Amino acid sequence: MTVKQIIRMGNPILYRQNQAVTEFNTPALDQLIADMFETMEALDGVGIAAPQIGEALTVTVFGFEKSQRYPNAPPVPKTVLINPVIEPLSEEKNDGWEGCLSIRSDEITLRGLVPRYTKLRYSGYDQQGNFFQREVADFHARLVQHEYDHLQGKLFPFRIEDMRYFGFEAEIAAIRESMDRSNGAGT
């Protein structure tokens, strides 16, 4: 396993359409997935998509028991999701604070308030090519949508509706705390 360099916002690699995986359970795919988990965990991430490490494939991994970056988020099972499809289960959305490994450095983290569907069904394939689907809500649903966007060539700032709620984490901390207190949320 290898910790890979993260491709950052502005690099055209992040904005391209990615290719579906057609061969499963191969040494190359196994290595990619191992590297993705290693990179995600080394950077205290909760998810990562293949384009973020320069691979143009529709592969994402996510999951955690406890997150320092999202301390109020409930655990999400560690998942390999290949060639995903997502389907909202209602029109209900909520706003939540998001960050991204491709939009931060060691010293600086940018966050933004992003509306996402609160409930959805996602389906796809695991590393061995087995089809599966799950119905999820809240932070789990947000995380899947964030990673799915990466596979579509989108980053979370593209989804922000009010750019007053996008900025350096230290600068918007007071806004986040005030909003978290008023609605009991905190992603």
N, C-alpha and C. Protein backbone atom coordinates (compact mmCIF):
# COMPACT_ATOMS: atom_id res chain seq x y z
N MET A 1 0.85 -1.18 0.00
CA MET A 1 0.00 0.00 0.00
C MET A 1 0.89 1.24 0.00
N THR A 2 0.37 2.27 -0.65
CA THR A 2 1.13 3.50 -0.78
C THR A 2 0.21 4.69 -0.56
N VAL A 3 0.69 5.68 0.20
CA VAL A 3 -0.04 6.93 0.32
C VAL A 3 0.25 7.73 -0.94
N LYS A 4 -0.80 8.05 -1.67
CA LYS A 4 -0.68 8.76 -2.93
C LYS A 4 -0.83 10.26 -2.74
N GLN A 5 -0.28 11.01 -3.67
CA GLN A 5 -0.45 12.46 -3.67
C GLN A 5 -1.87 12.78 -4.11
N ILE A 6 -2.48 13.73 -3.41
CA ILE A 6 -3.84 14.15 -3.74
C ILE A 6 -3.80 15.21 -4.84
N ILE A 7 -4.65 15.02 -5.84
CA ILE A 7 -4.83 16.01 -6.90
C ILE A 7 -5.69 17.13 -6.33
N ARG A 8 -5.27 18.38 -6.51
CA ARG A 8 -5.99 19.50 -5.91
C ARG A 8 -6.87 20.25 -6.89
N MET A 9 -7.86 20.94 -6.31
CA MET A 9 -8.79 21.75 -7.08
C MET A 9 -8.01 22.67 -8.02
N GLY A 10 -8.48 22.75 -9.25
CA GLY A 10 -7.82 23.52 -10.29
C GLY A 10 -7.17 22.62 -11.32
N ASN A 11 -6.81 21.40 -10.92
CA ASN A 11 -6.21 20.46 -11.84
C ASN A 11 -7.32 19.86 -12.71
N PRO A 12 -7.18 19.90 -14.04
CA PRO A 12 -8.24 19.39 -14.93
C PRO A 12 -8.57 17.92 -14.73
N ILE A 13 -7.68 17.16 -14.12
CA ILE A 13 -7.95 15.74 -13.85
C ILE A 13 -9.23 15.57 -13.03
N LEU A 14 -9.49 16.53 -12.14
CA LEU A 14 -10.66 16.42 -11.27
C LEU A 14 -11.98 16.72 -11.97
N TYR A 15 -11.94 17.29 -13.17
CA TYR A 15 -13.15 17.74 -13.83
C TYR A 15 -13.56 16.86 -15.01
N ARG A 16 -12.87 15.78 -15.22
CA ARG A 16 -13.16 14.94 -16.39
C ARG A 16 -14.18 13.85 -16.03
N GLN A 17 -14.77 13.28 -17.07
CA GLN A 17 -15.61 12.10 -16.88
C GLN A 17 -14.68 10.90 -16.68
N ASN A 18 -15.09 10.00 -15.87
CA ASN A 18 -14.26 8.84 -15.54
C ASN A 18 -14.85 7.57 -16.12
N GLN A 19 -14.01 6.57 -16.29
CA GLN A 19 -14.40 5.34 -16.96
C GLN A 19 -14.93 4.31 -15.96
N ALA A 20 -15.95 3.58 -16.39
CA ALA A 20 -16.47 2.48 -15.58
C ALA A 20 -15.43 1.36 -15.50
N VAL A 21 -15.43 0.69 -14.38
CA VAL A 21 -14.57 -0.48 -14.21
C VAL A 21 -15.23 -1.66 -14.92
N THR A 22 -14.46 -2.38 -15.72
CA THR A 22 -15.00 -3.53 -16.45
C THR A 22 -14.40 -4.86 -16.00
N GLU A 23 -13.28 -4.80 -15.30
CA GLU A 23 -12.64 -6.02 -14.79
C GLU A 23 -12.46 -5.88 -13.29
N PHE A 24 -12.98 -6.85 -12.56
CA PHE A 24 -12.94 -6.83 -11.10
C PHE A 24 -11.95 -7.87 -10.60
N ASN A 25 -11.59 -7.68 -9.31
CA ASN A 25 -10.74 -8.66 -8.63
C ASN A 25 -9.42 -8.88 -9.36
N THR A 26 -8.84 -7.80 -9.87
CA THR A 26 -7.55 -7.87 -10.54
C THR A 26 -6.47 -7.30 -9.62
N PRO A 27 -5.22 -7.66 -9.82
CA PRO A 27 -4.15 -7.08 -9.00
C PRO A 27 -4.11 -5.55 -9.09
N ALA A 28 -4.34 -5.00 -10.27
CA ALA A 28 -4.30 -3.55 -10.42
C ALA A 28 -5.43 -2.87 -9.63
N LEU A 29 -6.64 -3.42 -9.70
CA LEU A 29 -7.77 -2.85 -8.96
C LEU A 29 -7.55 -3.02 -7.46
N ASP A 30 -7.08 -4.19 -7.05
CA ASP A 30 -6.81 -4.43 -5.62
C ASP A 30 -5.78 -3.43 -5.09
N GLN A 31 -4.75 -3.16 -5.88
CA GLN A 31 -3.71 -2.21 -5.45
C GLN A 31 -4.28 -0.79 -5.38
N LEU A 32 -5.07 -0.42 -6.37
CA LEU A 32 -5.69 0.91 -6.36
C LEU A 32 -6.53 1.10 -5.10
N ILE A 33 -7.35 0.13 -4.78
CA ILE A 33 -8.23 0.23 -3.61
C ILE A 33 -7.43 0.28 -2.32
N ALA A 34 -6.40 -0.55 -2.22
CA ALA A 34 -5.53 -0.51 -1.03
C ALA A 34 -4.88 0.86 -0.89
N ASP A 35 -4.39 1.42 -1.99
CA ASP A 35 -3.76 2.74 -1.96
C ASP A 35 -4.76 3.82 -1.58
N MET A 36 -5.98 3.69 -2.07
CA MET A 36 -7.01 4.69 -1.73
C MET A 36 -7.33 4.67 -0.24
N PHE A 37 -7.52 3.49 0.34
CA PHE A 37 -7.77 3.42 1.78
C PHE A 37 -6.58 3.96 2.56
N GLU A 38 -5.38 3.59 2.17
CA GLU A 38 -4.18 4.05 2.86
C GLU A 38 -4.08 5.58 2.81
N THR A 39 -4.32 6.16 1.65
CA THR A 39 -4.24 7.61 1.48
C THR A 39 -5.33 8.30 2.30
N MET A 40 -6.56 7.81 2.21
CA MET A 40 -7.67 8.38 2.96
C MET A 40 -7.37 8.39 4.45
N GLU A 41 -6.92 7.28 4.97
CA GLU A 41 -6.66 7.17 6.41
C GLU A 41 -5.46 8.00 6.84
N ALA A 42 -4.43 8.07 6.02
CA ALA A 42 -3.25 8.87 6.36
C ALA A 42 -3.58 10.35 6.45
N LEU A 43 -4.59 10.78 5.70
CA LEU A 43 -4.97 12.20 5.66
C LEU A 43 -6.20 12.50 6.51
N ASP A 44 -6.61 11.55 7.35
CA ASP A 44 -7.79 11.70 8.20
C ASP A 44 -9.05 12.00 7.40
N GLY A 45 -9.14 11.42 6.21
CA GLY A 45 -10.33 11.59 5.39
C GLY A 45 -11.39 10.58 5.76
N VAL A 46 -12.59 10.80 5.25
CA VAL A 46 -13.69 9.86 5.47
C VAL A 46 -14.10 9.19 4.16
N GLY A 47 -13.56 9.68 3.05
CA GLY A 47 -13.81 9.10 1.74
C GLY A 47 -12.82 9.65 0.74
N ILE A 48 -12.66 8.91 -0.35
CA ILE A 48 -11.78 9.37 -1.43
C ILE A 48 -12.23 8.68 -2.71
N ALA A 49 -12.09 9.40 -3.81
CA ALA A 49 -12.45 8.86 -5.12
C ALA A 49 -11.18 8.73 -5.96
N ALA A 50 -11.18 7.76 -6.86
CA ALA A 50 -10.00 7.48 -7.68
C ALA A 50 -9.47 8.72 -8.40
N PRO A 51 -10.31 9.61 -8.94
CA PRO A 51 -9.76 10.79 -9.61
C PRO A 51 -8.89 11.65 -8.70
N GLN A 52 -9.14 11.61 -7.40
CA GLN A 52 -8.36 12.42 -6.47
C GLN A 52 -6.90 11.96 -6.37
N ILE A 53 -6.63 10.75 -6.83
CA ILE A 53 -5.23 10.30 -6.88
C ILE A 53 -4.80 10.06 -8.33
N GLY A 54 -5.54 10.67 -9.26
CA GLY A 54 -5.14 10.67 -10.65
C GLY A 54 -5.60 9.50 -11.49
N GLU A 55 -6.49 8.66 -10.97
CA GLU A 55 -7.00 7.50 -11.71
C GLU A 55 -8.39 7.81 -12.24
N ALA A 56 -8.58 7.67 -13.53
CA ALA A 56 -9.84 8.04 -14.19
C ALA A 56 -10.84 6.89 -14.19
N LEU A 57 -11.07 6.32 -13.02
CA LEU A 57 -11.99 5.20 -12.88
C LEU A 57 -13.10 5.55 -11.90
N THR A 58 -14.28 4.95 -12.07
CA THR A 58 -15.41 5.21 -11.18
C THR A 58 -15.34 4.30 -9.96
N VAL A 59 -14.36 4.60 -9.12
CA VAL A 59 -14.10 3.86 -7.89
C VAL A 59 -14.02 4.86 -6.74
N THR A 60 -14.71 4.57 -5.66
CA THR A 60 -14.59 5.36 -4.45
C THR A 60 -14.56 4.42 -3.25
N VAL A 61 -13.89 4.87 -2.21
CA VAL A 61 -13.89 4.15 -0.94
C VAL A 61 -14.25 5.16 0.14
N PHE A 62 -14.91 4.69 1.18
CA PHE A 62 -15.28 5.58 2.28
C PHE A 62 -15.58 4.75 3.51
N GLY A 63 -15.69 5.44 4.63
CA GLY A 63 -16.07 4.81 5.88
C GLY A 63 -15.11 5.11 7.01
N PHE A 64 -15.65 5.02 8.23
CA PHE A 64 -14.87 5.33 9.42
C PHE A 64 -15.65 4.90 10.65
N GLU A 65 -14.94 4.72 11.74
CA GLU A 65 -15.56 4.49 13.04
C GLU A 65 -15.79 5.83 13.73
N LYS A 66 -14.74 6.65 13.75
CA LYS A 66 -14.79 7.97 14.37
C LYS A 66 -13.92 8.90 13.53
N SER A 67 -14.38 10.11 13.32
CA SER A 67 -13.67 11.05 12.48
C SER A 67 -13.30 12.31 13.26
N GLN A 68 -12.04 12.70 13.18
CA GLN A 68 -11.62 13.96 13.79
C GLN A 68 -12.18 15.14 13.00
N ARG A 69 -12.29 14.98 11.70
CA ARG A 69 -12.79 16.07 10.85
C ARG A 69 -14.29 16.27 11.00
N TYR A 70 -15.01 15.18 11.30
CA TYR A 70 -16.47 15.24 11.45
C TYR A 70 -16.83 14.55 12.77
N PRO A 71 -16.50 15.18 13.90
CA PRO A 71 -16.64 14.50 15.19
C PRO A 71 -18.07 14.14 15.57
N ASN A 72 -19.06 14.83 15.03
CA ASN A 72 -20.45 14.54 15.37
C ASN A 72 -21.11 13.53 14.44
N ALA A 73 -20.36 13.08 13.43
CA ALA A 73 -20.92 12.15 12.46
C ALA A 73 -20.92 10.72 13.02
N PRO A 74 -22.01 9.98 12.81
CA PRO A 74 -22.03 8.58 13.25
C PRO A 74 -21.13 7.74 12.34
N PRO A 75 -20.71 6.58 12.81
CA PRO A 75 -19.85 5.72 11.98
C PRO A 75 -20.53 5.35 10.66
N VAL A 76 -19.69 5.18 9.64
CA VAL A 76 -20.13 4.73 8.32
C VAL A 76 -19.30 3.49 8.00
N PRO A 77 -19.91 2.39 7.58
CA PRO A 77 -19.13 1.18 7.32
C PRO A 77 -18.12 1.40 6.19
N LYS A 78 -16.94 0.82 6.37
CA LYS A 78 -15.93 0.90 5.33
C LYS A 78 -16.46 0.20 4.08
N THR A 79 -16.42 0.94 2.97
CA THR A 79 -17.08 0.49 1.75
C THR A 79 -16.21 0.75 0.54
N VAL A 80 -16.19 -0.20 -0.37
CA VAL A 80 -15.66 -0.02 -1.72
C VAL A 80 -16.88 0.06 -2.62
N LEU A 81 -17.00 1.14 -3.38
CA LEU A 81 -18.15 1.34 -4.25
C LEU A 81 -17.64 1.64 -5.66
N ILE A 82 -17.95 0.74 -6.57
CA ILE A 82 -17.47 0.83 -7.95
C ILE A 82 -18.66 0.96 -8.89
N ASN A 83 -18.52 1.83 -9.88
CA ASN A 83 -19.58 2.09 -10.86
C ASN A 83 -20.91 2.41 -10.17
N PRO A 84 -20.91 3.39 -9.28
CA PRO A 84 -22.12 3.64 -8.49
C PRO A 84 -23.25 4.31 -9.25
N VAL A 85 -24.44 4.06 -8.74
CA VAL A 85 -25.66 4.76 -9.15
C VAL A 85 -26.31 5.22 -7.86
N ILE A 86 -26.76 6.49 -7.83
CA ILE A 86 -27.47 6.97 -6.64
C ILE A 86 -28.86 7.41 -7.05
N GLU A 87 -29.80 7.21 -6.12
CA GLU A 87 -31.20 7.55 -6.35
C GLU A 87 -31.76 8.18 -5.09
N PRO A 88 -32.09 9.48 -5.13
CA PRO A 88 -32.72 10.11 -3.96
C PRO A 88 -34.03 9.40 -3.63
N LEU A 89 -34.30 9.24 -2.34
CA LEU A 89 -35.54 8.59 -1.91
C LEU A 89 -36.60 9.59 -1.49
N SER A 90 -36.24 10.87 -1.47
CA SER A 90 -37.20 11.94 -1.24
C SER A 90 -36.57 13.22 -1.80
N GLU A 91 -37.37 14.25 -1.87
CA GLU A 91 -36.85 15.54 -2.35
C GLU A 91 -36.21 16.34 -1.21
N GLU A 92 -36.32 15.83 0.02
CA GLU A 92 -35.80 16.56 1.17
C GLU A 92 -34.29 16.68 1.11
N LYS A 93 -33.81 17.90 1.35
CA LYS A 93 -32.37 18.17 1.42
C LYS A 93 -32.08 18.90 2.72
N ASN A 94 -30.84 18.81 3.16
CA ASN A 94 -30.40 19.67 4.25
C ASN A 94 -29.01 20.18 3.94
N ASP A 95 -28.68 21.28 4.61
CA ASP A 95 -27.37 21.89 4.43
C ASP A 95 -26.41 21.30 5.45
N GLY A 96 -25.19 21.03 5.01
CA GLY A 96 -24.17 20.53 5.91
C GLY A 96 -22.80 21.05 5.47
N TRP A 97 -21.92 21.19 6.44
CA TRP A 97 -20.57 21.68 6.16
C TRP A 97 -19.73 20.54 5.60
N GLU A 98 -19.07 20.82 4.48
CA GLU A 98 -18.21 19.83 3.85
C GLU A 98 -16.82 20.40 3.64
N GLY A 99 -15.87 19.48 3.66
CA GLY A 99 -14.51 19.77 3.27
C GLY A 99 -14.11 18.73 2.25
N CYS A 100 -12.87 18.78 1.79
CA CYS A 100 -12.43 17.84 0.76
C CYS A 100 -10.91 17.73 0.79
N LEU A 101 -10.41 16.52 0.62
CA LEU A 101 -8.97 16.32 0.56
C LEU A 101 -8.35 17.06 -0.61
N SER A 102 -9.10 17.31 -1.66
CA SER A 102 -8.59 18.04 -2.83
C SER A 102 -8.68 19.55 -2.67
N ILE A 103 -9.24 20.00 -1.55
CA ILE A 103 -9.39 21.44 -1.32
C ILE A 103 -8.82 21.78 0.05
N ARG A 104 -7.64 21.26 0.33
CA ARG A 104 -6.96 21.59 1.57
C ARG A 104 -5.48 21.31 1.41
N SER A 105 -4.73 21.88 2.32
CA SER A 105 -3.30 21.59 2.41
C SER A 105 -3.02 21.32 3.88
N ASP A 106 -1.77 21.14 4.23
CA ASP A 106 -1.44 20.88 5.63
C ASP A 106 -1.84 22.05 6.53
N GLU A 107 -1.78 23.24 6.00
CA GLU A 107 -2.04 24.43 6.81
C GLU A 107 -3.44 25.00 6.65
N ILE A 108 -4.08 24.73 5.53
CA ILE A 108 -5.33 25.40 5.20
C ILE A 108 -6.41 24.40 4.83
N THR A 109 -7.59 24.60 5.41
CA THR A 109 -8.76 23.80 5.04
C THR A 109 -9.88 24.75 4.66
N LEU A 110 -10.48 24.50 3.52
CA LEU A 110 -11.65 25.25 3.09
C LEU A 110 -12.88 24.38 3.32
N ARG A 111 -13.96 25.02 3.77
CA ARG A 111 -15.22 24.33 4.00
C ARG A 111 -16.34 25.16 3.40
N GLY A 112 -17.42 24.46 3.09
CA GLY A 112 -18.58 25.15 2.56
C GLY A 112 -19.87 24.47 2.98
N LEU A 113 -20.93 25.24 2.97
CA LEU A 113 -22.26 24.74 3.33
C LEU A 113 -22.94 24.24 2.06
N VAL A 114 -23.22 22.94 2.02
CA VAL A 114 -23.68 22.29 0.79
C VAL A 114 -25.02 21.60 1.04
N PRO A 115 -26.02 21.87 0.19
CA PRO A 115 -27.28 21.13 0.30
C PRO A 115 -27.13 19.74 -0.34
N ARG A 116 -27.64 18.74 0.34
CA ARG A 116 -27.62 17.36 -0.17
C ARG A 116 -28.92 16.67 0.18
N TYR A 117 -29.28 15.66 -0.62
CA TYR A 117 -30.43 14.83 -0.29
C TYR A 117 -30.18 14.13 1.04
N THR A 118 -31.24 14.05 1.85
CA THR A 118 -31.08 13.44 3.17
C THR A 118 -31.22 11.92 3.15
N LYS A 119 -31.90 11.39 2.13
CA LYS A 119 -32.09 9.94 2.03
C LYS A 119 -31.87 9.51 0.59
N LEU A 120 -31.15 8.40 0.44
CA LEU A 120 -30.93 7.90 -0.91
C LEU A 120 -30.63 6.41 -0.89
N ARG A 121 -30.71 5.84 -2.07
CA ARG A 121 -30.30 4.46 -2.30
C ARG A 121 -29.09 4.54 -3.22
N TYR A 122 -28.04 3.83 -2.83
CA TYR A 122 -26.92 3.72 -3.76
C TYR A 122 -26.67 2.26 -4.06
N SER A 123 -26.19 2.05 -5.28
CA SER A 123 -25.87 0.69 -5.70
C SER A 123 -24.60 0.73 -6.52
N GLY A 124 -24.00 -0.41 -6.62
CA GLY A 124 -22.77 -0.55 -7.40
C GLY A 124 -22.16 -1.90 -7.11
N TYR A 125 -20.87 -1.97 -7.28
CA TYR A 125 -20.15 -3.24 -7.16
C TYR A 125 -19.03 -3.11 -6.14
N ASP A 126 -18.74 -4.22 -5.48
CA ASP A 126 -17.60 -4.26 -4.58
C ASP A 126 -16.35 -4.66 -5.37
N GLN A 127 -15.28 -4.83 -4.68
CA GLN A 127 -13.98 -5.12 -5.28
C GLN A 127 -13.97 -6.41 -6.10
N GLN A 128 -14.79 -7.37 -5.69
CA GLN A 128 -14.86 -8.66 -6.39
C GLN A 128 -15.88 -8.67 -7.53
N GLY A 129 -16.60 -7.57 -7.69
CA GLY A 129 -17.60 -7.50 -8.75
C GLY A 129 -18.98 -7.92 -8.32
N ASN A 130 -19.21 -8.04 -7.01
CA ASN A 130 -20.53 -8.38 -6.49
C ASN A 130 -21.39 -7.13 -6.42
N PHE A 131 -22.59 -7.20 -6.99
CA PHE A 131 -23.53 -6.08 -6.94
C PHE A 131 -24.11 -5.96 -5.54
N PHE A 132 -24.28 -4.72 -5.06
CA PHE A 132 -24.96 -4.49 -3.78
C PHE A 132 -25.66 -3.14 -3.83
N GLN A 133 -26.59 -2.95 -2.90
CA GLN A 133 -27.25 -1.66 -2.74
C GLN A 133 -27.56 -1.42 -1.28
N ARG A 134 -27.65 -0.15 -0.93
CA ARG A 134 -27.97 0.26 0.44
C ARG A 134 -28.88 1.47 0.39
N GLU A 135 -29.76 1.56 1.39
CA GLU A 135 -30.53 2.77 1.61
C GLU A 135 -29.96 3.43 2.84
N VAL A 136 -29.61 4.72 2.71
CA VAL A 136 -28.92 5.43 3.78
C VAL A 136 -29.51 6.82 3.95
N ALA A 137 -29.16 7.45 5.05
CA ALA A 137 -29.66 8.79 5.34
C ALA A 137 -28.55 9.63 5.98
N ASP A 138 -28.84 10.91 6.06
CA ASP A 138 -28.03 11.87 6.81
C ASP A 138 -26.57 11.89 6.37
N PHE A 139 -25.62 11.76 7.31
CA PHE A 139 -24.21 11.92 6.95
C PHE A 139 -23.74 10.86 5.96
N HIS A 140 -24.20 9.63 6.12
CA HIS A 140 -23.83 8.57 5.18
C HIS A 140 -24.26 8.95 3.77
N ALA A 141 -25.49 9.46 3.63
CA ALA A 141 -25.99 9.89 2.32
C ALA A 141 -25.17 11.06 1.79
N ARG A 142 -24.82 12.00 2.65
CA ARG A 142 -23.99 13.15 2.25
C ARG A 142 -22.65 12.68 1.74
N LEU A 143 -22.02 11.78 2.45
CA LEU A 143 -20.70 11.27 2.08
C LEU A 143 -20.74 10.59 0.71
N VAL A 144 -21.74 9.77 0.48
CA VAL A 144 -21.87 9.08 -0.81
C VAL A 144 -22.05 10.10 -1.94
N GLN A 145 -22.89 11.10 -1.72
CA GLN A 145 -23.10 12.12 -2.76
C GLN A 145 -21.83 12.90 -3.05
N HIS A 146 -21.07 13.23 -2.01
CA HIS A 146 -19.81 13.95 -2.19
C HIS A 146 -18.84 13.13 -3.05
N GLU A 147 -18.68 11.86 -2.73
CA GLU A 147 -17.76 11.01 -3.49
C GLU A 147 -18.28 10.74 -4.90
N TYR A 148 -19.57 10.55 -5.03
CA TYR A 148 -20.17 10.35 -6.35
C TYR A 148 -19.89 11.56 -7.24
N ASP A 149 -20.01 12.75 -6.68
CA ASP A 149 -19.71 13.96 -7.45
C ASP A 149 -18.30 13.93 -8.02
N HIS A 150 -17.33 13.46 -7.24
CA HIS A 150 -15.96 13.36 -7.75
C HIS A 150 -15.91 12.51 -9.02
N LEU A 151 -16.69 11.45 -9.05
CA LEU A 151 -16.68 10.56 -10.21
C LEU A 151 -17.34 11.21 -11.42
N GLN A 152 -18.12 12.27 -11.18
CA GLN A 152 -18.79 13.01 -12.25
C GLN A 152 -18.02 14.28 -12.62
N GLY A 153 -16.85 14.47 -12.04
CA GLY A 153 -16.04 15.65 -12.34
C GLY A 153 -16.50 16.91 -11.63
N LYS A 154 -17.12 16.76 -10.45
CA LYS A 154 -17.61 17.91 -9.68
C LYS A 154 -16.99 17.92 -8.29
N LEU A 155 -16.76 19.12 -7.79
CA LEU A 155 -16.28 19.31 -6.42
C LEU A 155 -17.36 20.02 -5.62
N PHE A 156 -17.30 19.88 -4.29
CA PHE A 156 -18.39 20.41 -3.48
C PHE A 156 -18.63 21.91 -3.65
N PRO A 157 -17.61 22.76 -3.93
CA PRO A 157 -17.93 24.18 -4.10
C PRO A 157 -18.92 24.44 -5.25
N PHE A 158 -18.99 23.54 -6.23
CA PHE A 158 -19.94 23.71 -7.33
C PHE A 158 -21.38 23.61 -6.83
N ARG A 159 -21.60 23.01 -5.69
CA ARG A 159 -22.95 22.80 -5.14
C ARG A 159 -23.36 23.88 -4.12
N ILE A 160 -22.42 24.71 -3.71
CA ILE A 160 -22.73 25.74 -2.70
C ILE A 160 -23.68 26.76 -3.31
N GLU A 161 -24.76 27.06 -2.58
CA GLU A 161 -25.76 27.99 -3.08
C GLU A 161 -25.50 29.42 -2.64
N ASP A 162 -24.82 29.62 -1.53
CA ASP A 162 -24.53 30.96 -1.02
C ASP A 162 -23.05 31.00 -0.66
N MET A 163 -22.26 31.68 -1.49
CA MET A 163 -20.80 31.67 -1.32
C MET A 163 -20.33 32.39 -0.05
N ARG A 164 -21.24 33.04 0.67
CA ARG A 164 -20.85 33.58 1.99
C ARG A 164 -20.51 32.45 2.95
N TYR A 165 -20.99 31.24 2.63
CA TYR A 165 -20.75 30.08 3.49
C TYR A 165 -19.70 29.15 2.90
N PHE A 166 -18.69 29.74 2.31
CA PHE A 166 -17.54 29.02 1.78
C PHE A 166 -16.30 29.81 2.16
N GLY A 167 -15.36 29.14 2.82
CA GLY A 167 -14.15 29.87 3.19
C GLY A 167 -13.20 29.03 4.00
N PHE A 168 -12.19 29.71 4.48
CA PHE A 168 -11.17 29.06 5.30
C PHE A 168 -11.81 28.63 6.61
N GLU A 169 -11.51 27.43 7.03
CA GLU A 169 -12.14 26.86 8.21
C GLU A 169 -12.03 27.78 9.43
N ALA A 170 -10.85 28.34 9.66
CA ALA A 170 -10.66 29.20 10.83
C ALA A 170 -11.52 30.46 10.74
N GLU A 171 -11.73 30.98 9.55
CA GLU A 171 -12.49 32.21 9.37
C GLU A 171 -13.99 32.01 9.51
N ILE A 172 -14.48 30.84 9.15
CA ILE A 172 -15.93 30.61 9.21
C ILE A 172 -16.34 29.81 10.45
N ALA A 173 -15.41 29.59 11.36
CA ALA A 173 -15.69 28.78 12.55
C ALA A 173 -16.86 29.35 13.35
N ALA A 174 -16.92 30.66 13.52
CA ALA A 174 -18.01 31.26 14.30
C ALA A 174 -19.35 31.05 13.62
N ILE A 175 -19.39 31.15 12.29
CA ILE A 175 -20.63 30.90 11.55
C ILE A 175 -21.07 29.46 11.75
N ARG A 176 -20.12 28.54 11.62
CA ARG A 176 -20.44 27.12 11.77
C ARG A 176 -20.98 26.82 13.16
N GLU A 177 -20.30 27.33 14.19
CA GLU A 177 -20.73 27.08 15.57
C GLU A 177 -22.13 27.62 15.82
N SER A 178 -22.40 28.82 15.33
CA SER A 178 -23.72 29.41 15.50
C SER A 178 -24.80 28.58 14.82
N MET A 179 -24.53 28.15 13.60
CA MET A 179 -25.49 27.34 12.86
C MET A 179 -25.66 25.97 13.52
N ASP A 180 -24.57 25.37 13.98
CA ASP A 180 -24.64 24.06 14.62
C ASP A 180 -25.49 24.13 15.90
N ARG A 181 -25.32 25.20 16.66
CA ARG A 181 -26.11 25.36 17.89
C ARG A 181 -27.59 25.53 17.58
N SER A 182 -27.89 26.23 16.49
CA SER A 182 -29.29 26.51 16.19
C SER A 182 -30.02 25.32 15.61
N ASN A 183 -29.30 24.40 14.93
CA ASN A 183 -30.01 23.26 14.33
C ASN A 183 -29.54 21.90 14.81
N GLY A 184 -28.61 21.88 15.74
CA GLY A 184 -28.17 20.62 16.31
C GLY A 184 -27.33 19.77 15.38
N ALA A 185 -26.91 20.33 14.25
CA ALA A 185 -26.11 19.58 13.29
C ALA A 185 -24.65 19.91 13.46
N GLY A 186 -23.84 19.27 12.68
CA GLY A 186 -22.44 19.59 12.72
C GLY A 186 -21.62 18.62 11.91
N THR A 187 -21.68 18.72 10.61
CA THR A 187 -20.84 17.87 9.78
C THR A 187 -19.66 18.67 9.32
